[in-house]
Amino acid sequence: MSVARVTEISATSKKGFEDAVNRGIARATATLRGVSGAWIKEQKVIVEEGKITRYQVNMMVSFVLEG
């Protein structure tokens, strides 16, 4: 039987939501061991002078605890 923990992270991208998700997962897996999944809690765009400049995702990342 395994036990998992969930942590919330936020990631941004100038390219799009998918790139923001990929950046967030890449950063999470660089820091956390046992990442097993994630779900997107929120999506947001940052608008400057009438144009979208960044895409942001807030995601819940789950990872299995060792031991």
Protein backbone atom coordinates (compact mmCIF):
# COMPACT_ATOMS: atom_id res chain seq x y z
CA MET A 1 0.00 0.00 0.00
CA SER A 2 1.35 3.44 -0.86
CA VAL A 3 0.67 6.90 0.48
CA ALA A 4 0.78 10.00 -1.71
CA ARG A 5 1.05 13.68 -1.00
CA VAL A 6 -0.33 16.54 -3.10
CA THR A 7 1.28 19.94 -3.53
CA GLU A 8 0.07 22.93 -5.50
CA ILE A 9 2.38 24.65 -7.97
CA SER A 10 2.00 27.48 -10.46
CA ALA A 11 3.80 27.70 -13.81
CA THR A 12 3.79 30.24 -16.63
CA SER A 13 4.69 30.29 -20.30
CA LYS A 14 4.72 32.78 -23.15
CA LYS A 15 3.78 29.99 -25.60
CA GLY A 16 0.57 28.49 -24.19
CA PHE A 17 -1.14 26.43 -21.52
CA GLU A 18 0.40 23.12 -22.63
CA ASP A 19 3.89 24.60 -22.39
CA ALA A 20 3.09 25.96 -18.92
CA VAL A 21 1.96 22.49 -17.80
CA ASN A 22 5.10 20.89 -19.23
CA ARG A 23 7.30 23.46 -17.47
CA GLY A 24 5.51 22.87 -14.17
CA ILE A 25 5.82 19.09 -14.41
CA ALA A 26 9.49 19.34 -15.41
CA ARG A 27 10.22 21.52 -12.39
CA ALA A 28 8.21 19.29 -10.03
CA THR A 29 10.02 16.13 -11.17
CA ALA A 30 13.38 17.87 -10.75
CA THR A 31 12.56 18.52 -7.08
CA LEU A 32 10.16 15.74 -6.04
CA ARG A 33 10.65 11.97 -6.27
CA GLY A 34 7.77 9.72 -7.20
CA VAL A 35 5.57 12.20 -9.11
CA SER A 36 2.61 10.12 -10.24
CA GLY A 37 0.19 12.65 -11.71
CA ALA A 38 -1.27 16.12 -11.72
CA TRP A 39 -4.54 17.87 -12.35
CA ILE A 40 -5.03 21.41 -13.52
CA LYS A 41 -6.86 23.46 -10.93
CA GLU A 42 -6.92 26.81 -12.77
CA GLN A 43 -5.89 28.38 -16.04
CA LYS A 44 -5.32 32.10 -16.44
CA VAL A 45 -3.97 34.48 -19.06
CA ILE A 46 -2.01 37.63 -18.28
CA VAL A 47 -3.01 40.51 -20.54
CA GLU A 48 -0.87 43.58 -21.16
CA GLU A 49 -1.92 46.38 -23.51
CA GLY A 50 -4.81 44.30 -24.83
CA LYS A 51 -2.69 41.25 -25.72
CA ILE A 52 -2.06 37.93 -24.01
CA THR A 53 1.53 37.96 -22.80
CA ARG A 54 1.63 34.86 -20.56
CA TYR A 55 -0.34 31.73 -19.82
CA GLN A 56 -0.51 30.49 -16.25
CA VAL A 57 -1.64 27.19 -14.78
CA ASN A 58 -2.12 26.27 -11.15
CA MET A 59 -1.87 22.53 -10.73
CA MET A 60 -2.05 19.95 -8.00
CA VAL A 61 0.86 17.51 -8.30
CA SER A 62 0.72 14.18 -6.50
CA PHE A 63 3.76 12.15 -5.53
CA VAL A 64 4.21 8.88 -3.69
CA LEU A 65 5.91 9.09 -0.31
CA GLU A 66 8.86 6.80 0.23
CA GLY A 67 9.40 4.56 3.16
